[in-house]
Amino acid sequence: MRGCSDSLFSHKPSNIMRILIALSLLLFTISSLKAQDATTIYSYYLEIDCDHDSETNEWTSNNIDINIFLKNGRRYYVRLNGVTEYESQQQSLGSAFTKDKAITKFIFMSASPIKQSEWDKITVSIDGDDAFMIDALALTWEKKIKRKSDNVGTTLLNVVRDPIETSTGNVQTWGVNGGGAWCLSTDANDGNGSWSDTVNGCFKTVEFDIQTGKAKKIN
């Protein structure tokens, strides 16, 4: 006689069930491999809007020295070897001035994000009396998630791999398009000419506080 366990509870998995189990295991494996293969990179940029709507000749032949400070004492340095009229009118590549024109300079790259509380200040200085105007300034970030390798795993894994993911944002911004501006020059009288309605004097250095979003002029 066949027992109840034989007649009612000894059914073998169907082919469909086997296929579903196999697909579940495959998808789990692919997901795990993709997570292990992913890497995140944070890039930081400084965007300088030096194309004021109401002014002309905002560019300079002098060197512009830029220092970005973190509260732990780390400093990043960038030098602009002059700024031409052409450079000052290029569309920004970042996220701060989507409708304005700006120079975008890469600062540094990090495997982890820099917390807002870790930033300190930015100083922008000029080494001559060929005045340079800053209409607005922004410290921006770009986050990219991508594969560590272009050829990881099987052909199937390559087919289902996610594309690169990119997001952007601002750490801090200063100024607005077409508003009051900052003048950089070793000659303080450069602010008394045709720019007098837009700038409040010219200074060798302007310090931008990343925490408060305020700016301070320094001779």
Protein backbone atom coordinates (compact mmCIF):
# COMPACT_ATOMS: atom_id res chain seq x y z
CA MET A 1 0.00 0.00 0.00
CA ARG A 2 1.23 3.52 -0.78
CA GLY A 3 1.41 5.73 2.23
CA CYS A 4 -0.10 9.17 2.46
CA SER A 5 3.37 10.70 2.28
CA ASP A 6 3.93 9.04 -1.09
CA SER A 7 0.62 10.01 -2.60
CA LEU A 8 0.20 13.58 -1.34
CA PHE A 9 3.56 15.08 -0.30
CA SER A 10 6.26 13.57 -2.49
CA HIS A 11 5.79 15.73 -5.58
CA LYS A 12 9.06 16.61 -7.30
CA PRO A 13 9.67 20.23 -8.38
CA SER A 14 8.37 20.94 -11.84
CA ASN A 15 10.62 22.16 -14.65
CA ILE A 16 9.08 25.63 -14.34
CA MET A 17 9.92 25.72 -10.64
CA ARG A 18 13.51 24.67 -11.35
CA ILE A 19 13.84 27.45 -13.95
CA LEU A 20 12.45 30.06 -11.54
CA ILE A 21 14.85 28.98 -8.80
CA ALA A 22 17.80 29.08 -11.21
CA LEU A 23 16.85 32.57 -12.45
CA SER A 24 16.53 33.85 -8.89
CA LEU A 25 19.99 32.55 -8.04
CA LEU A 26 21.42 34.05 -11.22
CA LEU A 27 19.91 37.47 -10.56
CA PHE A 28 21.16 37.40 -6.97
CA THR A 29 24.67 36.53 -8.16
CA ILE A 30 24.64 39.27 -10.80
CA SER A 31 23.43 41.83 -8.26
CA SER A 32 26.19 40.87 -5.83
CA LEU A 33 28.88 41.03 -8.50
CA LYS A 34 27.66 44.41 -9.73
CA ALA A 35 27.74 45.83 -6.20
CA GLN A 36 31.27 44.55 -5.68
CA ASP A 37 32.41 45.96 -9.02
CA ALA A 38 30.93 49.45 -8.54
CA THR A 39 33.11 52.37 -7.52
CA THR A 40 32.03 55.90 -6.56
CA ILE A 41 34.11 58.97 -7.36
CA TYR A 42 33.46 62.52 -6.15
CA SER A 43 35.00 65.37 -8.16
CA TYR A 44 35.05 68.98 -6.98
CA TYR A 45 35.16 72.05 -9.23
CA LEU A 46 35.34 75.81 -8.86
CA GLU A 47 33.15 77.78 -11.25
CA ILE A 48 33.94 81.46 -11.81
CA ASP A 49 31.35 83.58 -13.58
CA CYS A 50 33.38 86.50 -14.96
CA ASP A 51 30.97 87.64 -17.68
CA HIS A 52 28.87 90.43 -16.15
CA ASP A 53 25.83 91.45 -18.18
CA SER A 54 26.41 95.19 -17.66
CA GLU A 55 30.20 95.37 -17.95
CA THR A 56 32.99 94.78 -20.47
CA ASN A 57 36.67 93.81 -20.32
CA GLU A 58 36.17 91.66 -17.22
CA TRP A 59 39.06 89.33 -18.16
CA THR A 60 42.73 89.79 -17.24
CA SER A 61 46.27 89.09 -18.40
CA ASN A 62 47.45 88.67 -14.80
CA ASN A 63 47.69 85.40 -12.91
CA ILE A 64 44.79 84.40 -10.67
CA ASP A 65 45.76 82.25 -7.69
CA ILE A 66 43.04 80.14 -6.06
CA ASN A 67 43.35 78.33 -2.73
CA ILE A 68 40.67 76.04 -1.33
CA PHE A 69 41.02 75.17 2.38
CA LEU A 70 39.52 72.40 4.48
CA LYS A 71 39.22 72.72 8.24
CA ASN A 72 41.75 69.91 8.75
CA GLY A 73 44.43 72.15 7.20
CA ARG A 74 44.45 70.56 3.75
CA ARG A 75 44.83 73.06 0.91
CA TYR A 76 44.20 72.75 -2.82
CA TYR A 77 45.80 75.24 -5.21
CA VAL A 78 44.90 76.25 -8.76
CA ARG A 79 46.47 79.00 -10.90
CA LEU A 80 44.80 80.65 -13.88
CA ASN A 81 47.50 82.01 -16.17
CA GLY A 82 45.37 84.94 -17.19
CA VAL A 83 41.78 84.79 -18.42
CA THR A 84 41.01 85.66 -22.02
CA GLU A 85 37.78 87.12 -23.37
CA TYR A 86 37.09 83.78 -25.04
CA GLU A 87 37.55 81.82 -21.80
CA SER A 88 35.34 84.20 -19.85
CA GLN A 89 32.42 83.55 -22.19
CA GLN A 90 32.42 79.74 -22.19
CA GLN A 91 29.34 77.96 -20.90
CA SER A 92 29.84 76.37 -17.49
CA LEU A 93 30.20 72.60 -17.46
CA GLY A 94 28.96 72.27 -13.89
CA SER A 95 25.65 72.77 -12.17
CA ALA A 96 25.86 76.23 -10.61
CA PHE A 97 25.44 78.52 -13.63
CA THR A 98 23.23 76.62 -16.04
CA LYS A 99 22.11 79.86 -17.72
CA ASP A 100 25.29 81.87 -17.19
CA LYS A 101 28.79 81.67 -18.58
CA ALA A 102 31.68 80.63 -16.39
CA ILE A 103 35.12 79.12 -16.21
CA THR A 104 35.11 75.66 -14.65
CA LYS A 105 38.33 74.44 -13.00
CA PHE A 106 38.80 70.92 -11.63
CA ILE A 107 40.08 71.02 -8.03
CA PHE A 108 40.43 67.47 -6.72
CA MET A 109 38.89 63.99 -6.65
CA SER A 110 37.86 61.90 -3.64
CA ALA A 111 36.54 58.37 -3.03
CA SER A 112 34.18 59.69 -0.36
CA PRO A 113 32.17 62.93 -0.11
CA ILE A 114 33.55 65.92 1.79
CA LYS A 115 31.05 66.84 4.50
CA GLN A 116 29.74 70.40 4.56
CA SER A 117 31.25 70.93 8.02
CA GLU A 118 34.72 70.00 6.72
CA TRP A 119 35.02 72.92 4.29
CA ASP A 120 36.65 76.18 5.37
CA LYS A 121 37.27 78.94 2.80
CA ILE A 122 38.43 79.90 -0.69
CA THR A 123 40.83 82.73 -1.45
CA VAL A 124 41.14 84.24 -4.93
CA SER A 125 44.10 86.59 -5.56
CA ILE A 126 45.60 88.53 -8.47
CA ASP A 127 49.27 89.38 -9.01
CA GLY A 128 48.91 92.59 -11.05
CA ASP A 129 46.87 95.69 -11.88
CA ASP A 130 45.00 94.37 -14.94
CA ALA A 131 41.66 94.22 -13.13
CA PHE A 132 39.60 91.02 -13.12
CA MET A 133 35.88 90.87 -12.30
CA ILE A 134 34.04 88.02 -10.58
CA ASP A 135 30.30 88.22 -11.07
CA ALA A 136 29.57 85.02 -9.12
CA LEU A 137 31.44 82.01 -7.77
CA ALA A 138 30.47 78.42 -6.97
CA LEU A 139 32.10 75.36 -5.44
CA THR A 140 30.41 72.36 -7.05
CA TRP A 141 30.58 68.57 -6.86
CA GLU A 142 30.00 65.74 -9.29
CA LYS A 143 29.32 62.15 -8.19
CA LYS A 144 29.92 59.28 -10.60
CA ILE A 145 29.14 55.60 -10.02
CA LYS A 146 30.84 53.39 -12.55
CA ARG A 147 32.36 49.99 -13.10
CA LYS A 148 35.89 49.23 -11.92
CA SER A 149 36.42 47.24 -15.11
CA ASP A 150 34.88 47.29 -18.57
CA ASN A 151 35.04 43.50 -18.82
CA VAL A 152 33.77 41.87 -15.67
CA GLY A 153 32.07 38.47 -15.53
CA THR A 154 30.16 36.75 -18.28
CA THR A 155 28.58 38.07 -21.42
CA LEU A 156 25.21 38.03 -19.68
CA LEU A 157 26.59 40.18 -16.84
CA ASN A 158 27.90 42.71 -19.34
CA VAL A 159 24.50 42.90 -21.03
CA VAL A 160 22.52 43.60 -17.85
CA ARG A 161 25.10 45.96 -16.31
CA ASP A 162 23.77 49.37 -15.28
CA PRO A 163 25.11 52.41 -17.16
CA ILE A 164 27.26 55.02 -15.42
CA GLU A 165 25.24 57.12 -12.97
CA THR A 166 26.08 60.82 -12.56
CA SER A 167 24.71 63.48 -10.23
CA THR A 168 25.84 67.04 -9.47
CA GLY A 169 25.26 69.76 -6.90
CA ASN A 170 26.63 72.82 -5.15
CA VAL A 171 28.69 72.96 -1.98
CA GLN A 172 28.29 76.75 -1.82
CA THR A 173 27.62 79.70 -4.15
CA TRP A 174 28.40 83.41 -3.91
CA GLY A 175 26.79 86.25 -5.86
CA VAL A 176 24.12 86.26 -8.57
CA ASN A 177 24.25 86.78 -12.30
CA GLY A 178 24.35 90.47 -13.19
CA GLY A 179 24.38 91.67 -9.57
CA GLY A 180 27.14 93.29 -7.58
CA ALA A 181 30.58 91.90 -8.39
CA TRP A 182 34.09 91.63 -6.95
CA CYS A 183 37.07 93.35 -8.54
CA LEU A 184 40.56 91.88 -8.21
CA SER A 185 43.52 94.21 -8.80
CA THR A 186 46.66 95.41 -7.04
CA ASP A 187 45.54 98.94 -7.99
CA ALA A 188 42.65 99.97 -5.73
CA ASN A 189 41.75 102.81 -8.12
CA ASP A 190 40.66 100.31 -10.79
CA GLY A 191 37.29 100.20 -9.05
CA ASN A 192 36.68 103.92 -9.59
CA GLY A 193 36.34 103.80 -13.36
CA SER A 194 33.62 102.34 -15.56
CA TRP A 195 32.99 99.50 -13.09
CA SER A 196 32.13 101.82 -10.18
CA ASP A 197 28.39 101.03 -10.36
CA THR A 198 29.05 97.29 -10.13
CA VAL A 199 32.01 96.85 -7.75
CA ASN A 200 32.84 98.42 -4.42
CA GLY A 201 36.55 98.98 -4.89
CA CYS A 202 39.28 96.62 -6.12
CA PHE A 203 41.32 94.34 -3.90
CA LYS A 204 44.27 92.00 -4.30
CA THR A 205 42.45 89.11 -2.58
CA VAL A 206 38.85 88.13 -1.89
CA GLU A 207 38.12 85.45 0.71
CA PHE A 208 34.96 83.37 0.31
CA ASP A 209 33.66 81.61 3.44
CA ILE A 210 32.33 78.18 2.48
CA GLN A 211 30.31 77.77 5.68
CA THR A 212 28.46 81.11 5.64
CA GLY A 213 28.48 81.96 1.93
CA LYS A 214 29.90 85.42 2.72
CA ALA A 215 32.86 87.16 1.08
CA LYS A 216 35.57 89.37 2.56
CA LYS A 217 37.90 91.68 0.62
CA ILE A 218 41.57 91.71 1.61
CA ASN A 219 44.29 94.10 0.41
